[in-house]
Amino acid sequence: MKTRFLIAALALLAGVPALTIGVTSGVVAADKPVAATGGTGTVGGIVVPSTNHPITLDVPAEATHREITDDQKRVRNYADQPPLIPHAIRDYQIDLNINKCLTCHDRRNTAGSQAPMLSVTHFQDRDGQTLGTVAARRYFCTQCHVQQTDAQPIVPNSFRDFDSVLGHAQGGKK
């Protein structure tokens, strides 16, 4: 009983400001006319500009990068970097029911698609046991793989692969 009374009291207190506006002016807030003069209006006594505000404009953002879709593999930027995706993936469906990537990259489909097969690590569970299908932890491809773009790095990268550090890239000369 006390709980019901407390809830009713809180609900009444929450509605008091709305009730006092109507009581003091004799008009309910919803019945108040909104004056619009010179591109502004008043709502509840507050002057509100009616011109387009940057927050309310529906303007698409500028593209921050251009997708590279030339199907050319790029050199990786650091050790163990997941390969970049060299083709468009904008409308690819990847959810619990369908993984569009697997239509080409699954080991059963690579012969017909000529796409590279998934790494064997994608068929291993977290205990290292090999499975017959893609492991659940590797099913959502775009968690690790991203599409190639012409975006410039925000932070400079000085990574050099192992062969270039040892001088093997120049035919064994240092």
C-alpha atoms as a PDB file:
ATOM      1  CA  MET A   1       0.000   0.000   0.000  1.00  0.00           C
ATOM      2  CA  LYS A   2       2.807   2.392   0.890  1.00  0.00           C
ATOM      3  CA  THR A   3       4.519   1.640  -2.436  1.00  0.00           C
ATOM      4  CA  ARG A   4       1.400   2.511  -4.427  1.00  0.00           C
ATOM      5  CA  PHE A   5       1.011   5.755  -2.517  1.00  0.00           C
ATOM      6  CA  LEU A   6       4.670   6.660  -3.117  1.00  0.00           C
ATOM      7  CA  ILE A   7       4.391   5.967  -6.872  1.00  0.00           C
ATOM      8  CA  ALA A   8       1.207   8.069  -7.102  1.00  0.00           C
ATOM      9  CA  ALA A   9       2.879  10.943  -5.237  1.00  0.00           C
ATOM     10  CA  LEU A  10       5.920  10.862  -7.527  1.00  0.00           C
ATOM     11  CA  ALA A  11       3.712  10.842 -10.623  1.00  0.00           C
ATOM     12  CA  LEU A  12       1.772  13.822  -9.279  1.00  0.00           C
ATOM     13  CA  LEU A  13       4.970  15.736  -8.512  1.00  0.00           C
ATOM     14  CA  ALA A  14       6.291  15.049 -12.001  1.00  0.00           C
ATOM     15  CA  GLY A  15       3.171  16.611 -13.504  1.00  0.00           C
ATOM     16  CA  VAL A  16       3.050  19.713 -11.250  1.00  0.00           C
ATOM     17  CA  PRO A  17       5.147  22.019 -13.524  1.00  0.00           C
ATOM     18  CA  ALA A  18       2.884  21.282 -16.486  1.00  0.00           C
ATOM     19  CA  LEU A  19      -0.204  21.911 -14.370  1.00  0.00           C
ATOM     20  CA  THR A  20       1.060  25.208 -12.971  1.00  0.00           C
ATOM     21  CA  ILE A  21       1.723  26.646 -16.443  1.00  0.00           C
ATOM     22  CA  GLY A  22      -1.874  25.978 -17.435  1.00  0.00           C
ATOM     23  CA  VAL A  23      -3.282  27.271 -14.124  1.00  0.00           C
ATOM     24  CA  THR A  24      -1.375  30.557 -14.057  1.00  0.00           C
ATOM     25  CA  SER A  25      -2.066  31.497 -17.654  1.00  0.00           C
ATOM     26  CA  GLY A  26      -5.513  29.975 -17.898  1.00  0.00           C
ATOM     27  CA  VAL A  27      -4.446  28.240 -21.136  1.00  0.00           C
ATOM     28  CA  VAL A  28      -3.065  24.753 -21.578  1.00  0.00           C
ATOM     29  CA  ALA A  29       0.439  24.684 -23.127  1.00  0.00           C
ATOM     30  CA  ALA A  30      -0.807  22.758 -26.172  1.00  0.00           C
ATOM     31  CA  ASP A  31      -3.351  25.525 -26.898  1.00  0.00           C
ATOM     32  CA  LYS A  32      -0.740  28.307 -26.966  1.00  0.00           C
ATOM     33  CA  PRO A  33      -0.213  29.782 -30.413  1.00  0.00           C
ATOM     34  CA  VAL A  34       3.300  29.716 -31.844  1.00  0.00           C
ATOM     35  CA  ALA A  35       4.224  33.112 -33.209  1.00  0.00           C
ATOM     36  CA  ALA A  36       6.417  33.063 -36.299  1.00  0.00           C
ATOM     37  CA  THR A  37       7.845  36.406 -37.263  1.00  0.00           C
ATOM     38  CA  GLY A  38      11.072  37.003 -39.138  1.00  0.00           C
ATOM     39  CA  GLY A  39      12.218  33.375 -39.123  1.00  0.00           C
ATOM     40  CA  THR A  40      11.756  32.878 -35.380  1.00  0.00           C
ATOM     41  CA  GLY A  41       9.004  31.534 -33.205  1.00  0.00           C
ATOM     42  CA  THR A  42       8.172  31.245 -29.527  1.00  0.00           C
ATOM     43  CA  VAL A  43       7.456  28.054 -27.719  1.00  0.00           C
ATOM     44  CA  GLY A  44       6.411  28.401 -24.099  1.00  0.00           C
ATOM     45  CA  GLY A  45       7.777  31.946 -24.011  1.00  0.00           C
ATOM     46  CA  ILE A  46      11.181  30.917 -25.398  1.00  0.00           C
ATOM     47  CA  VAL A  47      12.296  32.367 -28.723  1.00  0.00           C
ATOM     48  CA  VAL A  48      13.313  29.574 -31.078  1.00  0.00           C
ATOM     49  CA  PRO A  49      14.893  30.259 -34.506  1.00  0.00           C
ATOM     50  CA  SER A  50      13.023  28.462 -37.271  1.00  0.00           C
ATOM     51  CA  THR A  51      15.827  28.694 -39.812  1.00  0.00           C
ATOM     52  CA  ASN A  52      17.738  25.576 -40.764  1.00  0.00           C
ATOM     53  CA  HIS A  53      20.196  24.759 -38.030  1.00  0.00           C
ATOM     54  CA  PRO A  54      23.297  22.653 -38.851  1.00  0.00           C
ATOM     55  CA  ILE A  55      22.097  19.961 -36.475  1.00  0.00           C
ATOM     56  CA  THR A  56      18.735  19.617 -38.216  1.00  0.00           C
ATOM     57  CA  LEU A  57      20.032  19.625 -41.790  1.00  0.00           C
ATOM     58  CA  ASP A  58      20.051  16.250 -43.495  1.00  0.00           C
ATOM     59  CA  VAL A  59      23.298  16.537 -45.440  1.00  0.00           C
ATOM     60  CA  PRO A  60      25.349  13.439 -46.271  1.00  0.00           C
ATOM     61  CA  ALA A  61      28.905  13.473 -44.966  1.00  0.00           C
ATOM     62  CA  GLU A  62      31.760  13.840 -47.390  1.00  0.00           C
ATOM     63  CA  ALA A  63      33.595  10.650 -48.250  1.00  0.00           C
ATOM     64  CA  THR A  64      36.769  10.309 -46.237  1.00  0.00           C
ATOM     65  CA  HIS A  65      38.370   7.872 -48.630  1.00  0.00           C
ATOM     66  CA  ARG A  66      37.942   6.177 -51.979  1.00  0.00           C
ATOM     67  CA  GLU A  67      37.505   2.412 -52.115  1.00  0.00           C
ATOM     68  CA  ILE A  68      40.100   0.584 -54.194  1.00  0.00           C
ATOM     69  CA  THR A  69      38.443  -2.240 -56.100  1.00  0.00           C
ATOM     70  CA  ASP A  70      41.121  -3.304 -58.583  1.00  0.00           C
ATOM     71  CA  ASP A  71      41.476  -6.866 -57.173  1.00  0.00           C
ATOM     72  CA  GLN A  72      45.215  -6.346 -56.602  1.00  0.00           C
ATOM     73  CA  LYS A  73      46.690  -7.652 -53.360  1.00  0.00           C
ATOM     74  CA  ARG A  74      48.648  -5.047 -51.391  1.00  0.00           C
ATOM     75  CA  VAL A  75      51.697  -5.480 -49.174  1.00  0.00           C
ATOM     76  CA  ARG A  76      50.752  -5.713 -45.520  1.00  0.00           C
ATOM     77  CA  ASN A  77      51.733  -2.849 -43.224  1.00  0.00           C
ATOM     78  CA  TYR A  78      52.766  -4.927 -40.206  1.00  0.00           C
ATOM     79  CA  ALA A  79      53.415  -8.510 -39.189  1.00  0.00           C
ATOM     80  CA  ASP A  80      50.303 -10.694 -38.850  1.00  0.00           C
ATOM     81  CA  GLN A  81      48.058  -8.040 -40.418  1.00  0.00           C
ATOM     82  CA  PRO A  82      44.888  -9.626 -41.824  1.00  0.00           C
ATOM     83  CA  PRO A  83      44.809  -9.311 -45.621  1.00  0.00           C
ATOM     84  CA  LEU A  84      42.881  -6.349 -46.989  1.00  0.00           C
ATOM     85  CA  ILE A  85      39.795  -6.978 -49.118  1.00  0.00           C
ATOM     86  CA  PRO A  86      40.635  -5.997 -52.732  1.00  0.00           C
ATOM     87  CA  HIS A  87      37.033  -5.751 -53.982  1.00  0.00           C
ATOM     88  CA  ALA A  88      33.777  -3.969 -53.150  1.00  0.00           C
ATOM     89  CA  ILE A  89      31.864  -5.329 -50.153  1.00  0.00           C
ATOM     90  CA  ARG A  90      29.318  -2.528 -49.627  1.00  0.00           C
ATOM     91  CA  ASP A  91      26.166  -4.677 -49.936  1.00  0.00           C
ATOM     92  CA  TYR A  92      27.588  -7.940 -48.575  1.00  0.00           C
ATOM     93  CA  GLN A  93      25.331  -9.649 -46.067  1.00  0.00           C
ATOM     94  CA  ILE A  94      27.226 -11.094 -43.114  1.00  0.00           C
ATOM     95  CA  ASP A  95      24.966 -12.202 -40.294  1.00  0.00           C
ATOM     96  CA  LEU A  96      24.017 -15.391 -38.439  1.00  0.00           C
ATOM     97  CA  ASN A  97      22.158 -16.738 -41.491  1.00  0.00           C
ATOM     98  CA  ILE A  98      24.352 -15.742 -44.442  1.00  0.00           C
ATOM     99  CA  ASN A  99      28.012 -14.908 -45.005  1.00  0.00           C
ATOM    100  CA  LYS A 100      28.434 -13.581 -48.553  1.00  0.00           C
ATOM    101  CA  CYS A 101      32.249 -13.893 -48.297  1.00  0.00           C
ATOM    102  CA  LEU A 102      32.012 -17.666 -48.007  1.00  0.00           C
ATOM    103  CA  THR A 103      30.273 -17.989 -51.388  1.00  0.00           C
ATOM    104  CA  CYS A 104      33.723 -17.464 -52.952  1.00  0.00           C
ATOM    105  CA  HIS A 105      36.317 -17.962 -50.206  1.00  0.00           C
ATOM    106  CA  ASP A 106      35.057 -21.191 -48.574  1.00  0.00           C
ATOM    107  CA  ARG A 107      37.311 -24.130 -49.409  1.00  0.00           C
ATOM    108  CA  ARG A 108      34.492 -25.850 -51.327  1.00  0.00           C
ATOM    109  CA  ASN A 109      33.929 -22.824 -53.607  1.00  0.00           C
ATOM    110  CA  THR A 110      37.437 -21.574 -54.453  1.00  0.00           C
ATOM    111  CA  ALA A 111      37.859 -23.760 -57.539  1.00  0.00           C
ATOM    112  CA  GLY A 112      34.933 -22.106 -59.314  1.00  0.00           C
ATOM    113  CA  SER A 113      35.508 -18.565 -58.049  1.00  0.00           C
ATOM    114  CA  GLN A 114      39.324 -18.454 -58.279  1.00  0.00           C
ATOM    115  CA  ALA A 115      39.280 -16.588 -54.952  1.00  0.00           C
ATOM    116  CA  PRO A 116      41.930 -17.405 -52.341  1.00  0.00           C
ATOM    117  CA  MET A 117      40.793 -19.949 -49.779  1.00  0.00           C
ATOM    118  CA  LEU A 118      40.430 -18.997 -46.145  1.00  0.00           C
ATOM    119  CA  SER A 119      43.460 -19.710 -44.008  1.00  0.00           C
ATOM    120  CA  VAL A 120      43.378 -23.001 -42.125  1.00  0.00           C
ATOM    121  CA  THR A 121      43.297 -20.932 -38.929  1.00  0.00           C
ATOM    122  CA  HIS A 122      39.718 -19.948 -39.822  1.00  0.00           C
ATOM    123  CA  PHE A 123      38.705 -23.611 -39.419  1.00  0.00           C
ATOM    124  CA  GLN A 124      40.183 -23.990 -35.923  1.00  0.00           C
ATOM    125  CA  ASP A 125      38.347 -23.407 -32.682  1.00  0.00           C
ATOM    126  CA  ARG A 126      39.974 -21.635 -29.751  1.00  0.00           C
ATOM    127  CA  ASP A 127      41.444 -24.937 -28.531  1.00  0.00           C
ATOM    128  CA  GLY A 128      43.226 -25.476 -31.858  1.00  0.00           C
ATOM    129  CA  GLN A 129      40.989 -28.328 -33.016  1.00  0.00           C
ATOM    130  CA  THR A 130      40.290 -28.347 -36.758  1.00  0.00           C
ATOM    131  CA  LEU A 131      36.621 -28.133 -37.723  1.00  0.00           C
ATOM    132  CA  GLY A 132      34.806 -29.040 -40.941  1.00  0.00           C
ATOM    133  CA  THR A 133      33.364 -25.537 -41.314  1.00  0.00           C
ATOM    134  CA  VAL A 134      34.472 -22.015 -40.482  1.00  0.00           C
ATOM    135  CA  ALA A 135      34.872 -21.538 -36.739  1.00  0.00           C
ATOM    136  CA  ALA A 136      32.304 -19.293 -35.092  1.00  0.00           C
ATOM    137  CA  ARG A 137      35.017 -16.918 -33.879  1.00  0.00           C
ATOM    138  CA  ARG A 138      36.185 -16.382 -37.490  1.00  0.00           C
ATOM    139  CA  TYR A 139      32.739 -16.238 -39.156  1.00  0.00           C
ATOM    140  CA  PHE A 140      32.273 -12.439 -39.184  1.00  0.00           C
ATOM    141  CA  CYS A 141      35.002 -11.484 -41.677  1.00  0.00           C
ATOM    142  CA  THR A 142      34.817  -7.706 -41.318  1.00  0.00           C
ATOM    143  CA  GLN A 143      35.841  -7.889 -37.665  1.00  0.00           C
ATOM    144  CA  CYS A 144      39.427  -8.251 -38.907  1.00  0.00           C
ATOM    145  CA  HIS A 145      39.427  -7.668 -42.659  1.00  0.00           C
ATOM    146  CA  VAL A 146      38.759  -4.228 -44.144  1.00  0.00           C
ATOM    147  CA  GLN A 147      38.409  -3.011 -47.693  1.00  0.00           C
ATOM    148  CA  GLN A 148      41.385  -1.383 -49.381  1.00  0.00           C
ATOM    149  CA  THR A 149      41.122   2.398 -49.643  1.00  0.00           C
ATOM    150  CA  ASP A 150      43.287   5.328 -50.599  1.00  0.00           C
ATOM    151  CA  ALA A 151      43.099   6.711 -47.045  1.00  0.00           C
ATOM    152  CA  GLN A 152      46.396   8.066 -45.783  1.00  0.00           C
ATOM    153  CA  PRO A 153      47.637   6.847 -42.399  1.00  0.00           C
ATOM    154  CA  ILE A 154      46.908   9.148 -39.481  1.00  0.00           C
ATOM    155  CA  VAL A 155      50.155   8.174 -37.770  1.00  0.00           C
ATOM    156  CA  PRO A 156      53.367   7.551 -39.744  1.00  0.00           C
ATOM    157  CA  ASN A 157      54.308   3.882 -40.095  1.00  0.00           C
ATOM    158  CA  SER A 158      57.939   2.803 -40.122  1.00  0.00           C
ATOM    159  CA  PHE A 159      57.311  -0.953 -40.263  1.00  0.00           C
ATOM    160  CA  ARG A 160      59.785  -2.992 -42.312  1.00  0.00           C
ATOM    161  CA  ASP A 161      59.320  -6.690 -42.877  1.00  0.00           C
ATOM    162  CA  PHE A 162      61.898  -9.226 -41.722  1.00  0.00           C
ATOM    163  CA  ASP A 163      63.538  -9.675 -45.140  1.00  0.00           C
ATOM    164  CA  SER A 164      64.118  -5.951 -45.651  1.00  0.00           C
ATOM    165  CA  VAL A 165      65.647  -5.619 -42.169  1.00  0.00           C
ATOM    166  CA  LEU A 166      68.121  -8.444 -42.900  1.00  0.00           C
ATOM    167  CA  GLY A 167      68.762  -7.153 -46.394  1.00  0.00           C
ATOM    168  CA  HIS A 168      67.320 -10.214 -48.162  1.00  0.00           C
ATOM    169  CA  ALA A 169      65.003  -8.043 -50.241  1.00  0.00           C
ATOM    170  CA  GLN A 170      67.998  -6.774 -52.259  1.00  0.00           C
ATOM    171  CA  GLY A 171      69.343 -10.226 -53.116  1.00  0.00           C
ATOM    172  CA  GLY A 172      71.164 -10.828 -49.836  1.00  0.00           C
ATOM    173  CA  LYS A 173      73.086  -7.522 -49.820  1.00  0.00           C
ATOM    174  CA  LYS A 174      73.000  -5.287 -46.758  1.00  0.00           C
END
